[in-house]
């Protein structure tokens, strides 16, 4: 087997492996039709997790370099086959996310009409800087019910989706802060932080979340975690590991960014205990409605510790909320009416 070498400071391990495998294929080391080393062989040879190797192979497949075959392995494609696959992958990536078939569209449409009727010209007004009190209040009540997270409306900030909120996080914590990320993680997280001038460090995961060994050796100023549905691994962090995240931040005076994207659809039942509930004074809690409601609702929210909210008001309070007040009024009513949680419950039952 061709030997691959991962550099300690060369970026995320999965990305280094992906690049080296791609270069080896392009150089003819692995000709069309040949089988690549298995994910377990790669993991054992490099001393990384199987998840890391699996993510590298998945990236190659997404770009059309290889084709996974069930029970046979991963095989290199010829150039003629790869090009259509790359085009197909790009086309698929450009397609809008779908709305679930059982989404309560009629209910949402009724709320929209009622909002137009009751709010009138107020829907044309500029949003308050943090977002409308109606939506922030609805989110506060929802988090208390479903996440055991006790927050005040004045700690909640509304923004236009995850990427905008990542940018705010960098500006709040400072571009000199090193952000530690799960490895593998959703690539947009790393790119958003780096685009805003921050440096990122990759922490390898095991079956329970970020490995304890990686956590113990981490000296970053902030740790970004997706405890309940890490993408692309699908790992849910164990209760012990979530507690370890909080202990790590408390011991080092570091910040935790808890990204709760998609957790509502990933957890089977019961109230979810957030990392933010374990360490509220050091945790920035972030989520969006783009998947749980609809892709057109480019609306997310950030729950800040009181000290950070004071900093936000002092240093970044000149920012306007970019989410239209109409969308905020509709979302607030959708949540407070109970339809949001009923919709989530139906979708989770359908997944079983």
C-alpha atoms as a PDB file:
ATOM      1  CA  UNK A   1       0.000   0.000   0.000  1.00  0.00           C
ATOM      2  CA  UNK A   2       1.211   3.505  -0.827  1.00  0.00           C
ATOM      3  CA  UNK A   3       2.328   5.282   2.334  1.00  0.00           C
ATOM      4  CA  UNK A   4       0.633   8.520   3.244  1.00  0.00           C
ATOM      5  CA  UNK A   5       1.991  10.970   5.791  1.00  0.00           C
ATOM      6  CA  UNK A   6      -0.125  13.399   7.797  1.00  0.00           C
ATOM      7  CA  UNK A   7       1.498  16.597   9.003  1.00  0.00           C
ATOM      8  CA  UNK A   8       0.754  17.693  12.563  1.00  0.00           C
ATOM      9  CA  UNK A   9       0.119  21.277  11.472  1.00  0.00           C
ATOM     10  CA  UNK A  10      -1.157  20.463   8.004  1.00  0.00           C
ATOM     11  CA  UNK A  11      -4.856  20.995   8.683  1.00  0.00           C
ATOM     12  CA  UNK A  12      -7.678  18.487   9.261  1.00  0.00           C
ATOM     13  CA  UNK A  13      -6.490  14.888   8.923  1.00  0.00           C
ATOM     14  CA  UNK A  14      -9.351  13.872   6.612  1.00  0.00           C
ATOM     15  CA  UNK A  15      -8.545  16.705   4.216  1.00  0.00           C
ATOM     16  CA  UNK A  16      -4.823  15.860   4.125  1.00  0.00           C
ATOM     17  CA  UNK A  17      -5.663  12.236   3.348  1.00  0.00           C
ATOM     18  CA  UNK A  18      -8.209  13.255   0.704  1.00  0.00           C
ATOM     19  CA  UNK A  19      -5.660  15.496  -1.061  1.00  0.00           C
ATOM     20  CA  UNK A  20      -2.939  12.820  -0.986  1.00  0.00           C
ATOM     21  CA  UNK A  21      -5.273  10.129  -2.297  1.00  0.00           C
ATOM     22  CA  UNK A  22      -6.491  12.438  -5.069  1.00  0.00           C
ATOM     23  CA  UNK A  23      -2.896  13.290  -6.030  1.00  0.00           C
ATOM     24  CA  UNK A  24      -2.001   9.591  -6.096  1.00  0.00           C
ATOM     25  CA  UNK A  25      -4.950   8.850  -8.391  1.00  0.00           C
ATOM     26  CA  UNK A  26      -4.070  11.763 -10.696  1.00  0.00           C
ATOM     27  CA  UNK A  27      -0.444  10.555 -10.857  1.00  0.00           C
ATOM     28  CA  UNK A  28      -1.520   7.055 -11.878  1.00  0.00           C
ATOM     29  CA  UNK A  29      -0.460   5.347  -8.659  1.00  0.00           C
ATOM     30  CA  UNK A  30      -4.014   4.038  -8.521  1.00  0.00           C
ATOM     31  CA  UNK A  31      -5.117   3.532 -12.167  1.00  0.00           C
ATOM     32  CA  UNK A  32      -8.768   3.391 -13.272  1.00  0.00           C
ATOM     33  CA  UNK A  33     -10.439   0.221 -12.059  1.00  0.00           C
ATOM     34  CA  UNK A  34      -8.023  -0.344  -9.186  1.00  0.00           C
ATOM     35  CA  UNK A  35      -9.221  -0.631  -5.622  1.00  0.00           C
ATOM     36  CA  UNK A  36      -8.129   1.853  -2.975  1.00  0.00           C
ATOM     37  CA  UNK A  37      -7.034   0.693   0.470  1.00  0.00           C
ATOM     38  CA  UNK A  38     -10.007   0.183   2.762  1.00  0.00           C
ATOM     39  CA  UNK A  39     -10.965   2.806   5.318  1.00  0.00           C
ATOM     40  CA  UNK A  40      -9.837   0.489   8.111  1.00  0.00           C
ATOM     41  CA  UNK A  41      -6.469  -0.146   6.457  1.00  0.00           C
ATOM     42  CA  UNK A  42      -5.931   3.592   5.958  1.00  0.00           C
ATOM     43  CA  UNK A  43      -6.977   4.335   9.534  1.00  0.00           C
ATOM     44  CA  UNK A  44      -4.648   1.694  10.965  1.00  0.00           C
ATOM     45  CA  UNK A  45      -1.709   2.791   8.810  1.00  0.00           C
ATOM     46  CA  UNK A  46      -2.074   6.487   9.693  1.00  0.00           C
ATOM     47  CA  UNK A  47      -3.155   6.083  13.299  1.00  0.00           C
ATOM     48  CA  UNK A  48      -6.424   7.964  12.759  1.00  0.00           C
ATOM     49  CA  UNK A  49     -10.057   7.032  13.302  1.00  0.00           C
ATOM     50  CA  UNK A  50     -12.041   5.048  10.742  1.00  0.00           C
ATOM     51  CA  UNK A  51     -14.395   8.047  10.538  1.00  0.00           C
ATOM     52  CA  UNK A  52     -11.523  10.251   9.346  1.00  0.00           C
ATOM     53  CA  UNK A  53     -10.601   7.819   6.564  1.00  0.00           C
ATOM     54  CA  UNK A  54     -14.255   7.341   5.644  1.00  0.00           C
ATOM     55  CA  UNK A  55     -14.752  11.101   5.270  1.00  0.00           C
ATOM     56  CA  UNK A  56     -11.710  11.396   2.971  1.00  0.00           C
ATOM     57  CA  UNK A  57     -13.044   8.597   0.755  1.00  0.00           C
ATOM     58  CA  UNK A  58     -16.508  10.179   0.731  1.00  0.00           C
ATOM     59  CA  UNK A  59     -15.054  13.457  -0.558  1.00  0.00           C
ATOM     60  CA  UNK A  60     -13.320  11.585  -3.383  1.00  0.00           C
ATOM     61  CA  UNK A  61     -16.603   9.892  -4.269  1.00  0.00           C
ATOM     62  CA  UNK A  62     -18.480  13.213  -4.205  1.00  0.00           C
ATOM     63  CA  UNK A  63     -16.006  14.646  -6.718  1.00  0.00           C
ATOM     64  CA  UNK A  64     -16.211  11.643  -9.014  1.00  0.00           C
ATOM     65  CA  UNK A  65     -12.712  10.230  -8.488  1.00  0.00           C
ATOM     66  CA  UNK A  66     -13.880   6.931  -7.021  1.00  0.00           C
ATOM     67  CA  UNK A  67     -16.936   4.744  -6.741  1.00  0.00           C
ATOM     68  CA  UNK A  68     -17.841   2.822  -3.562  1.00  0.00           C
ATOM     69  CA  UNK A  69     -19.188  -0.657  -4.322  1.00  0.00           C
ATOM     70  CA  UNK A  70     -21.094  -2.510  -1.654  1.00  0.00           C
ATOM     71  CA  UNK A  71     -19.101  -5.368  -0.094  1.00  0.00           C
ATOM     72  CA  UNK A  72     -16.323  -4.858  -2.649  1.00  0.00           C
ATOM     73  CA  UNK A  73     -14.514  -1.647  -1.721  1.00  0.00           C
ATOM     74  CA  UNK A  74     -13.784   1.742  -3.267  1.00  0.00           C
ATOM     75  CA  UNK A  75     -12.659   1.721  -6.914  1.00  0.00           C
ATOM     76  CA  UNK A  76     -10.976   4.396  -9.031  1.00  0.00           C
ATOM     77  CA  UNK A  77     -13.039   5.697 -11.938  1.00  0.00           C
ATOM     78  CA  UNK A  78     -11.718   6.539 -15.378  1.00  0.00           C
ATOM     79  CA  UNK A  79     -11.651  10.166 -16.494  1.00  0.00           C
ATOM     80  CA  UNK A  80     -14.632   9.688 -18.769  1.00  0.00           C
ATOM     81  CA  UNK A  81     -16.728   8.379 -15.908  1.00  0.00           C
ATOM     82  CA  UNK A  82     -15.494  10.903 -13.386  1.00  0.00           C
ATOM     83  CA  UNK A  83     -16.507  14.034 -15.278  1.00  0.00           C
ATOM     84  CA  UNK A  84     -20.249  13.253 -15.408  1.00  0.00           C
ATOM     85  CA  UNK A  85     -20.166  12.303 -11.747  1.00  0.00           C
ATOM     86  CA  UNK A  86     -18.507  15.587 -10.797  1.00  0.00           C
ATOM     87  CA  UNK A  87     -21.125  17.473 -12.793  1.00  0.00           C
ATOM     88  CA  UNK A  88     -23.894  15.491 -11.125  1.00  0.00           C
ATOM     89  CA  UNK A  89     -22.424  16.191  -7.702  1.00  0.00           C
ATOM     90  CA  UNK A  90     -22.261  19.918  -8.428  1.00  0.00           C
ATOM     91  CA  UNK A  91     -25.822  19.936  -9.737  1.00  0.00           C
ATOM     92  CA  UNK A  92     -27.031  18.090  -6.657  1.00  0.00           C
ATOM     93  CA  UNK A  93     -25.230  20.540  -4.386  1.00  0.00           C
ATOM     94  CA  UNK A  94     -26.927  23.455  -6.136  1.00  0.00           C
ATOM     95  CA  UNK A  95     -30.431  22.054  -5.670  1.00  0.00           C
ATOM     96  CA  UNK A  96     -32.478  23.671  -2.913  1.00  0.00           C
ATOM     97  CA  UNK A  97     -33.153  21.634   0.202  1.00  0.00           C
ATOM     98  CA  UNK A  98     -36.548  19.974   0.019  1.00  0.00           C
ATOM     99  CA  UNK A  99     -39.554  20.661   2.216  1.00  0.00           C
ATOM    100  CA  UNK A 100     -40.871  17.457   3.875  1.00  0.00           C
ATOM    101  CA  UNK A 101     -44.067  16.057   2.398  1.00  0.00           C
ATOM    102  CA  UNK A 102     -45.945  16.233   5.707  1.00  0.00           C
ATOM    103  CA  UNK A 103     -44.930  19.812   6.472  1.00  0.00           C
ATOM    104  CA  UNK A 104     -48.000  21.763   7.734  1.00  0.00           C
ATOM    105  CA  UNK A 105     -48.000  24.212   4.847  1.00  0.00           C
ATOM    106  CA  UNK A 106     -51.671  25.134   5.241  1.00  0.00           C
ATOM    107  CA  UNK A 107     -51.113  25.977   8.894  1.00  0.00           C
ATOM    108  CA  UNK A 108     -48.085  28.106   8.062  1.00  0.00           C
ATOM    109  CA  UNK A 109     -50.013  29.855   5.273  1.00  0.00           C
ATOM    110  CA  UNK A 110     -52.828  30.621   7.726  1.00  0.00           C
ATOM    111  CA  UNK A 111     -50.317  32.114  10.183  1.00  0.00           C
ATOM    112  CA  UNK A 112     -48.830  34.190   7.361  1.00  0.00           C
ATOM    113  CA  UNK A 113     -52.243  35.572   6.387  1.00  0.00           C
ATOM    114  CA  UNK A 114     -53.138  36.328   9.991  1.00  0.00           C
ATOM    115  CA  UNK A 115     -49.808  38.075  10.513  1.00  0.00           C
ATOM    116  CA  UNK A 116     -50.443  40.294   7.483  1.00  0.00           C
ATOM    117  CA  UNK A 117     -53.900  41.134   8.778  1.00  0.00           C
ATOM    118  CA  UNK A 118     -52.993  41.740  12.426  1.00  0.00           C
ATOM    119  CA  UNK A 119     -49.600  43.400  12.068  1.00  0.00           C
ATOM    120  CA  UNK A 120     -50.490  45.523   9.054  1.00  0.00           C
ATOM    121  CA  UNK A 121     -47.872  48.117   8.167  1.00  0.00           C
ATOM    122  CA  UNK A 122     -45.668  46.996  11.054  1.00  0.00           C
ATOM    123  CA  UNK A 123     -44.299  44.238   8.812  1.00  0.00           C
ATOM    124  CA  UNK A 124     -42.607  46.988   6.774  1.00  0.00           C
ATOM    125  CA  UNK A 125     -40.720  48.354   9.772  1.00  0.00           C
ATOM    126  CA  UNK A 126     -37.036  47.807  10.403  1.00  0.00           C
ATOM    127  CA  UNK A 127     -36.274  45.016  12.849  1.00  0.00           C
ATOM    128  CA  UNK A 128     -34.887  45.858  16.298  1.00  0.00           C
ATOM    129  CA  UNK A 129     -31.106  45.198  16.340  1.00  0.00           C
ATOM    130  CA  UNK A 130     -31.386  41.910  18.264  1.00  0.00           C
ATOM    131  CA  UNK A 131     -34.559  40.806  16.481  1.00  0.00           C
ATOM    132  CA  UNK A 132     -38.216  41.179  17.458  1.00  0.00           C
ATOM    133  CA  UNK A 133     -39.170  40.572  21.070  1.00  0.00           C
ATOM    134  CA  UNK A 134     -41.905  38.223  19.819  1.00  0.00           C
ATOM    135  CA  UNK A 135     -39.440  35.821  18.180  1.00  0.00           C
ATOM    136  CA  UNK A 136     -36.831  36.062  20.914  1.00  0.00           C
ATOM    137  CA  UNK A 137     -39.521  35.333  23.495  1.00  0.00           C
ATOM    138  CA  UNK A 138     -40.832  32.348  21.521  1.00  0.00           C
ATOM    139  CA  UNK A 139     -37.297  30.957  21.229  1.00  0.00           C
ATOM    140  CA  UNK A 140     -36.678  31.470  24.963  1.00  0.00           C
ATOM    141  CA  UNK A 141     -39.809  29.514  25.861  1.00  0.00           C
ATOM    142  CA  UNK A 142     -39.015  26.776  23.338  1.00  0.00           C
ATOM    143  CA  UNK A 143     -35.464  26.342  24.666  1.00  0.00           C
ATOM    144  CA  UNK A 144     -36.752  26.087  28.238  1.00  0.00           C
ATOM    145  CA  UNK A 145     -39.235  23.376  27.203  1.00  0.00           C
ATOM    146  CA  UNK A 146     -37.054  21.333  24.906  1.00  0.00           C
ATOM    147  CA  UNK A 147     -33.440  22.031  25.889  1.00  0.00           C
ATOM    148  CA  UNK A 148     -33.445  22.676  29.638  1.00  0.00           C
ATOM    149  CA  UNK A 149     -31.787  25.963  28.704  1.00  0.00           C
ATOM    150  CA  UNK A 150     -32.737  28.954  30.829  1.00  0.00           C
ATOM    151  CA  UNK A 151     -32.043  32.112  28.845  1.00  0.00           C
ATOM    152  CA  UNK A 152     -33.419  35.633  28.832  1.00  0.00           C
ATOM    153  CA  UNK A 153     -34.773  37.365  25.732  1.00  0.00           C
ATOM    154  CA  UNK A 154     -31.990  39.919  26.128  1.00  0.00           C
ATOM    155  CA  UNK A 155     -29.390  37.160  25.634  1.00  0.00           C
ATOM    156  CA  UNK A 156     -30.855  36.066  22.285  1.00  0.00           C
ATOM    157  CA  UNK A 157     -29.743  37.519  18.964  1.00  0.00           C
ATOM    158  CA  UNK A 158     -31.499  36.796  15.647  1.00  0.00           C
ATOM    159  CA  UNK A 159     -29.403  36.449  12.481  1.00  0.00           C
ATOM    160  CA  UNK A 160     -29.790  35.356   8.862  1.00  0.00           C
ATOM    161  CA  UNK A 161     -28.540  31.787   9.057  1.00  0.00           C
ATOM    162  CA  UNK A 162     -25.548  29.929  10.440  1.00  0.00           C
ATOM    163  CA  UNK A 163     -22.846  31.526   8.277  1.00  0.00           C
ATOM    164  CA  UNK A 164     -23.778  35.040   9.430  1.00  0.00           C
ATOM    165  CA  UNK A 165     -23.733  33.898  13.044  1.00  0.00           C
ATOM    166  CA  UNK A 166     -20.307  32.239  12.650  1.00  0.00           C
ATOM    167  CA  UNK A 167     -19.005  35.585  11.418  1.00  0.00           C
ATOM    168  CA  UNK A 168     -20.403  37.333  14.488  1.00  0.00           C
ATOM    169  CA  UNK A 169     -18.793  34.737  16.754  1.00  0.00           C
ATOM    170  CA  UNK A 170     -15.356  35.480  15.286  1.00  0.00           C
ATOM    171  CA  UNK A 171     -15.875  39.211  15.704  1.00  0.00           C
ATOM    172  CA  UNK A 172     -16.987  38.721  19.307  1.00  0.00           C
ATOM    173  CA  UNK A 173     -14.205  36.381  20.393  1.00  0.00           C
ATOM    174  CA  UNK A 174     -11.491  37.982  18.259  1.00  0.00           C
ATOM    175  CA  UNK A 175      -9.615  36.949  15.130  1.00  0.00           C
ATOM    176  CA  UNK A 176      -6.610  35.945  17.230  1.00  0.00           C
ATOM    177  CA  UNK A 177      -8.705  33.216  18.874  1.00  0.00           C
ATOM    178  CA  UNK A 178      -7.917  29.687  17.679  1.00  0.00           C
ATOM    179  CA  UNK A 179     -11.129  27.737  17.022  1.00  0.00           C
ATOM    180  CA  UNK A 180     -10.927  23.979  17.621  1.00  0.00           C
ATOM    181  CA  UNK A 181     -13.289  21.985  15.381  1.00  0.00           C
ATOM    182  CA  UNK A 182     -14.471  18.396  15.204  1.00  0.00           C
ATOM    183  CA  UNK A 183     -12.585  16.301  12.653  1.00  0.00           C
ATOM    184  CA  UNK A 184     -14.447  15.626  10.456  1.00  0.00           C
ATOM    185  CA  UNK A 185     -16.805  18.585  10.580  1.00  0.00           C
ATOM    186  CA  UNK A 186     -19.130  20.395   8.207  1.00  0.00           C
ATOM    187  CA  UNK A 187     -16.685  22.109   5.863  1.00  0.00           C
ATOM    188  CA  UNK A 188     -18.626  25.389   5.897  1.00  0.00           C
ATOM    189  CA  UNK A 189     -17.833  25.882   9.581  1.00  0.00           C
ATOM    190  CA  UNK A 190     -14.085  25.883   9.009  1.00  0.00           C
ATOM    191  CA  UNK A 191     -14.364  27.989   5.861  1.00  0.00           C
ATOM    192  CA  UNK A 192     -16.593  30.564   7.555  1.00  0.00           C
ATOM    193  CA  UNK A 193     -14.179  30.991  10.446  1.00  0.00           C
ATOM    194  CA  UNK A 194     -11.125  31.197   8.202  1.00  0.00           C
ATOM    195  CA  UNK A 195     -12.857  33.639   5.845  1.00  0.00           C
ATOM    196  CA  UNK A 196     -13.244  35.929   8.849  1.00  0.00           C
ATOM    197  CA  UNK A 197      -9.540  35.739   9.662  1.00  0.00           C
ATOM    198  CA  UNK A 198      -9.578  33.105  12.401  1.00  0.00           C
ATOM    199  CA  UNK A 199      -7.313  30.064  12.657  1.00  0.00           C
ATOM    200  CA  UNK A 200      -8.761  26.583  13.122  1.00  0.00           C
ATOM    201  CA  UNK A 201      -7.430  23.401  14.723  1.00  0.00           C
ATOM    202  CA  UNK A 202      -8.828  19.917  14.038  1.00  0.00           C
ATOM    203  CA  UNK A 203      -9.655  17.533  16.905  1.00  0.00           C
ATOM    204  CA  UNK A 204     -10.151  13.886  16.021  1.00  0.00           C
ATOM    205  CA  UNK A 205     -13.387  12.168  16.996  1.00  0.00           C
ATOM    206  CA  UNK A 206     -14.193   8.714  18.277  1.00  0.00           C
ATOM    207  CA  UNK A 207     -17.582   7.086  18.737  1.00  0.00           C
ATOM    208  CA  UNK A 208     -18.496   9.338  21.681  1.00  0.00           C
ATOM    209  CA  UNK A 209     -17.528  12.741  20.274  1.00  0.00           C
ATOM    210  CA  UNK A 210     -14.184  14.544  20.268  1.00  0.00           C
ATOM    211  CA  UNK A 211     -11.704  12.076  21.724  1.00  0.00           C
ATOM    212  CA  UNK A 212     -10.630  12.712  25.304  1.00  0.00           C
ATOM    213  CA  UNK A 213      -6.995  12.530  24.225  1.00  0.00           C
ATOM    214  CA  UNK A 214      -7.502  15.272  21.620  1.00  0.00           C
ATOM    215  CA  UNK A 215      -9.450  17.367  24.113  1.00  0.00           C
ATOM    216  CA  UNK A 216      -6.758  17.065  26.781  1.00  0.00           C
ATOM    217  CA  UNK A 217      -4.108  18.291  24.348  1.00  0.00           C
ATOM    218  CA  UNK A 218      -6.166  21.196  23.005  1.00  0.00           C
ATOM    219  CA  UNK A 219      -4.989  24.720  23.839  1.00  0.00           C
ATOM    220  CA  UNK A 220      -7.443  26.607  21.604  1.00  0.00           C
ATOM    221  CA  UNK A 221      -9.377  29.583  22.885  1.00  0.00           C
ATOM    222  CA  UNK A 222     -12.724  28.268  21.614  1.00  0.00           C
ATOM    223  CA  UNK A 223     -14.203  24.846  20.897  1.00  0.00           C
ATOM    224  CA  UNK A 224     -16.975  24.479  18.294  1.00  0.00           C
ATOM    225  CA  UNK A 225     -19.049  21.330  18.837  1.00  0.00           C
ATOM    226  CA  UNK A 226     -22.187  19.779  17.338  1.00  0.00           C
ATOM    227  CA  UNK A 227     -23.019  17.371  20.175  1.00  0.00           C
ATOM    228  CA  UNK A 228     -26.249  15.832  18.910  1.00  0.00           C
ATOM    229  CA  UNK A 229     -25.717  15.286  15.217  1.00  0.00           C
ATOM    230  CA  UNK A 230     -22.182  15.919  14.038  1.00  0.00           C
ATOM    231  CA  UNK A 231     -21.951  16.109  10.257  1.00  0.00           C
ATOM    232  CA  UNK A 232     -20.779  14.129   8.310  1.00  0.00           C
ATOM    233  CA  UNK A 233     -20.049  11.446  10.930  1.00  0.00           C
ATOM    234  CA  UNK A 234     -23.539  11.393  12.455  1.00  0.00           C
ATOM    235  CA  UNK A 235     -21.981  10.981  15.908  1.00  0.00           C
ATOM    236  CA  UNK A 236     -23.917  12.020  19.002  1.00  0.00           C
ATOM    237  CA  UNK A 237     -21.626  12.930  21.879  1.00  0.00           C
ATOM    238  CA  UNK A 238     -22.145  10.853  25.026  1.00  0.00           C
ATOM    239  CA  UNK A 239     -23.280  12.549  28.245  1.00  0.00           C
ATOM    240  CA  UNK A 240     -19.788  11.988  29.670  1.00  0.00           C
ATOM    241  CA  UNK A 241     -18.149  13.621  26.675  1.00  0.00           C
ATOM    242  CA  UNK A 242     -20.511  16.595  26.755  1.00  0.00           C
ATOM    243  CA  UNK A 243     -19.575  17.070  30.393  1.00  0.00           C
ATOM    244  CA  UNK A 244     -15.910  16.826  29.364  1.00  0.00           C
ATOM    245  CA  UNK A 245     -16.406  19.669  26.872  1.00  0.00           C
ATOM    246  CA  UNK A 246     -17.784  21.863  29.655  1.00  0.00           C
ATOM    247  CA  UNK A 247     -14.999  20.844  32.047  1.00  0.00           C
ATOM    248  CA  UNK A 248     -12.362  21.624  29.414  1.00  0.00           C
ATOM    249  CA  UNK A 249     -13.724  25.136  28.838  1.00  0.00           C
ATOM    250  CA  UNK A 250     -14.141  25.849  32.551  1.00  0.00           C
ATOM    251  CA  UNK A 251     -10.603  24.715  33.388  1.00  0.00           C
ATOM    252  CA  UNK A 252      -8.999  26.791  30.624  1.00  0.00           C
ATOM    253  CA  UNK A 253     -11.249  29.839  30.644  1.00  0.00           C
ATOM    254  CA  UNK A 254     -12.071  29.032  27.010  1.00  0.00           C
ATOM    255  CA  UNK A 255     -15.315  29.446  25.081  1.00  0.00           C
ATOM    256  CA  UNK A 256     -17.670  26.745  23.811  1.00  0.00           C
ATOM    257  CA  UNK A 257     -19.733  27.242  20.668  1.00  0.00           C
ATOM    258  CA  UNK A 258     -22.573  24.722  20.758  1.00  0.00           C
ATOM    259  CA  UNK A 259     -23.989  24.317  17.251  1.00  0.00           C
ATOM    260  CA  UNK A 260     -27.357  22.607  17.646  1.00  0.00           C
ATOM    261  CA  UNK A 261     -28.171  22.379  13.935  1.00  0.00           C
ATOM    262  CA  UNK A 262     -30.568  19.497  13.160  1.00  0.00           C
ATOM    263  CA  UNK A 263     -30.574  18.184  16.752  1.00  0.00           C
ATOM    264  CA  UNK A 264     -34.375  18.361  16.892  1.00  0.00           C
ATOM    265  CA  UNK A 265     -34.603  15.734  14.141  1.00  0.00           C
ATOM    266  CA  UNK A 266     -31.716  13.588  15.366  1.00  0.00           C
ATOM    267  CA  UNK A 267     -32.808  12.903  18.946  1.00  0.00           C
ATOM    268  CA  UNK A 268     -35.487  10.269  19.384  1.00  0.00           C
ATOM    269  CA  UNK A 269     -37.412  11.574  22.383  1.00  0.00           C
ATOM    270  CA  UNK A 270     -37.319  13.555  25.576  1.00  0.00           C
ATOM    271  CA  UNK A 271     -35.781  16.858  26.494  1.00  0.00           C
ATOM    272  CA  UNK A 272     -32.254  17.449  25.226  1.00  0.00           C
ATOM    273  CA  UNK A 273     -29.686  18.589  27.771  1.00  0.00           C
ATOM    274  CA  UNK A 274     -27.436  21.126  26.122  1.00  0.00           C
ATOM    275  CA  UNK A 275     -23.799  21.784  26.892  1.00  0.00           C
ATOM    276  CA  UNK A 276     -24.911  25.385  27.369  1.00  0.00           C
ATOM    277  CA  UNK A 277     -27.028  24.271  30.338  1.00  0.00           C
ATOM    278  CA  UNK A 278     -23.901  22.747  31.919  1.00  0.00           C
ATOM    279  CA  UNK A 279     -21.753  25.864  31.469  1.00  0.00           C
ATOM    280  CA  UNK A 280     -23.989  28.822  30.559  1.00  0.00           C
ATOM    281  CA  UNK A 281     -21.413  31.495  31.386  1.00  0.00           C
ATOM    282  CA  UNK A 282     -18.888  30.145  28.831  1.00  0.00           C
ATOM    283  CA  UNK A 283     -21.153  28.744  26.080  1.00  0.00           C
ATOM    284  CA  UNK A 284     -22.489  30.401  22.936  1.00  0.00           C
ATOM    285  CA  UNK A 285     -25.516  28.404  21.788  1.00  0.00           C
ATOM    286  CA  UNK A 286     -26.418  28.529  18.087  1.00  0.00           C
ATOM    287  CA  UNK A 287     -29.175  27.045  15.934  1.00  0.00           C
ATOM    288  CA  UNK A 288     -31.213  27.748  12.781  1.00  0.00           C
ATOM    289  CA  UNK A 289     -34.663  27.065  11.327  1.00  0.00           C
ATOM    290  CA  UNK A 290     -33.548  26.358   7.744  1.00  0.00           C
ATOM    291  CA  UNK A 291     -33.996  22.595   8.090  1.00  0.00           C
ATOM    292  CA  UNK A 292     -36.559  22.328  10.881  1.00  0.00           C
ATOM    293  CA  UNK A 293     -39.017  24.770   9.260  1.00  0.00           C
ATOM    294  CA  UNK A 294     -38.108  25.464   5.614  1.00  0.00           C
ATOM    295  CA  UNK A 295     -35.016  26.423   3.565  1.00  0.00           C
ATOM    296  CA  UNK A 296     -36.546  29.818   2.736  1.00  0.00           C
ATOM    297  CA  UNK A 297     -36.488  30.787   6.408  1.00  0.00           C
ATOM    298  CA  UNK A 298     -32.862  31.905   6.506  1.00  0.00           C
ATOM    299  CA  UNK A 299     -33.198  32.583  10.194  1.00  0.00           C
ATOM    300  CA  UNK A 300     -30.945  31.514  13.023  1.00  0.00           C
ATOM    301  CA  UNK A 301     -30.304  32.600  16.560  1.00  0.00           C
ATOM    302  CA  UNK A 302     -27.409  32.934  18.964  1.00  0.00           C
ATOM    303  CA  UNK A 303     -27.765  32.743  22.751  1.00  0.00           C
ATOM    304  CA  UNK A 304     -24.903  34.647  24.357  1.00  0.00           C
ATOM    305  CA  UNK A 305     -23.660  34.610  27.953  1.00  0.00           C
ATOM    306  CA  UNK A 306     -24.529  37.906  29.630  1.00  0.00           C
ATOM    307  CA  UNK A 307     -20.915  39.125  29.583  1.00  0.00           C
ATOM    308  CA  UNK A 308     -20.628  38.503  25.842  1.00  0.00           C
ATOM    309  CA  UNK A 309     -23.957  40.188  25.162  1.00  0.00           C
ATOM    310  CA  UNK A 310     -22.621  43.281  26.933  1.00  0.00           C
ATOM    311  CA  UNK A 311     -19.567  43.136  24.673  1.00  0.00           C
ATOM    312  CA  UNK A 312     -21.781  42.691  21.623  1.00  0.00           C
ATOM    313  CA  UNK A 313     -23.862  45.753  22.513  1.00  0.00           C
ATOM    314  CA  UNK A 314     -20.739  47.842  23.142  1.00  0.00           C
ATOM    315  CA  UNK A 315     -18.689  46.770  20.110  1.00  0.00           C
ATOM    316  CA  UNK A 316     -21.123  45.405  17.510  1.00  0.00           C
ATOM    317  CA  UNK A 317     -24.423  46.956  18.495  1.00  0.00           C
ATOM    318  CA  UNK A 318     -24.385  49.079  15.341  1.00  0.00           C
ATOM    319  CA  UNK A 319     -25.302  45.981  13.288  1.00  0.00           C
ATOM    320  CA  UNK A 320     -28.883  45.757  12.068  1.00  0.00           C
ATOM    321  CA  UNK A 321     -30.861  42.527  12.171  1.00  0.00           C
ATOM    322  CA  UNK A 322     -31.093  41.392   8.544  1.00  0.00           C
ATOM    323  CA  UNK A 323     -34.095  39.077   9.006  1.00  0.00           C
ATOM    324  CA  UNK A 324     -37.363  40.733   7.866  1.00  0.00           C
ATOM    325  CA  UNK A 325     -39.773  41.416  10.727  1.00  0.00           C
ATOM    326  CA  UNK A 326     -42.540  39.620   8.808  1.00  0.00           C
ATOM    327  CA  UNK A 327     -40.554  36.371   8.859  1.00  0.00           C
ATOM    328  CA  UNK A 328     -39.859  36.881  12.554  1.00  0.00           C
ATOM    329  CA  UNK A 329     -43.537  37.437  13.423  1.00  0.00           C
ATOM    330  CA  UNK A 330     -44.545  34.328  11.464  1.00  0.00           C
ATOM    331  CA  UNK A 331     -41.886  32.151  13.082  1.00  0.00           C
ATOM    332  CA  UNK A 332     -42.795  33.387  16.554  1.00  0.00           C
ATOM    333  CA  UNK A 333     -46.444  32.423  16.063  1.00  0.00           C
ATOM    334  CA  UNK A 334     -45.487  29.097  14.460  1.00  0.00           C
ATOM    335  CA  UNK A 335     -43.433  28.222  17.551  1.00  0.00           C
ATOM    336  CA  UNK A 336     -45.828  29.548  20.206  1.00  0.00           C
ATOM    337  CA  UNK A 337     -48.832  27.820  18.607  1.00  0.00           C
ATOM    338  CA  UNK A 338     -47.167  24.431  19.128  1.00  0.00           C
ATOM    339  CA  UNK A 339     -47.170  23.673  15.390  1.00  0.00           C
ATOM    340  CA  UNK A 340     -43.366  23.773  15.218  1.00  0.00           C
ATOM    341  CA  UNK A 341     -42.944  20.995  17.781  1.00  0.00           C
ATOM    342  CA  UNK A 342     -45.840  18.963  16.380  1.00  0.00           C
ATOM    343  CA  UNK A 343     -44.214  19.134  12.945  1.00  0.00           C
ATOM    344  CA  UNK A 344     -40.907  17.912  14.390  1.00  0.00           C
ATOM    345  CA  UNK A 345     -42.660  15.064  16.196  1.00  0.00           C
ATOM    346  CA  UNK A 346     -44.358  13.875  12.988  1.00  0.00           C
ATOM    347  CA  UNK A 347     -41.088  13.958  11.049  1.00  0.00           C
ATOM    348  CA  UNK A 348     -39.229  11.998  13.729  1.00  0.00           C
ATOM    349  CA  UNK A 349     -41.940   9.343  13.826  1.00  0.00           C
ATOM    350  CA  UNK A 350     -41.752   9.021  10.045  1.00  0.00           C
ATOM    351  CA  UNK A 351     -37.983   8.427  10.240  1.00  0.00           C
ATOM    352  CA  UNK A 352     -38.361   5.432  12.557  1.00  0.00           C
END
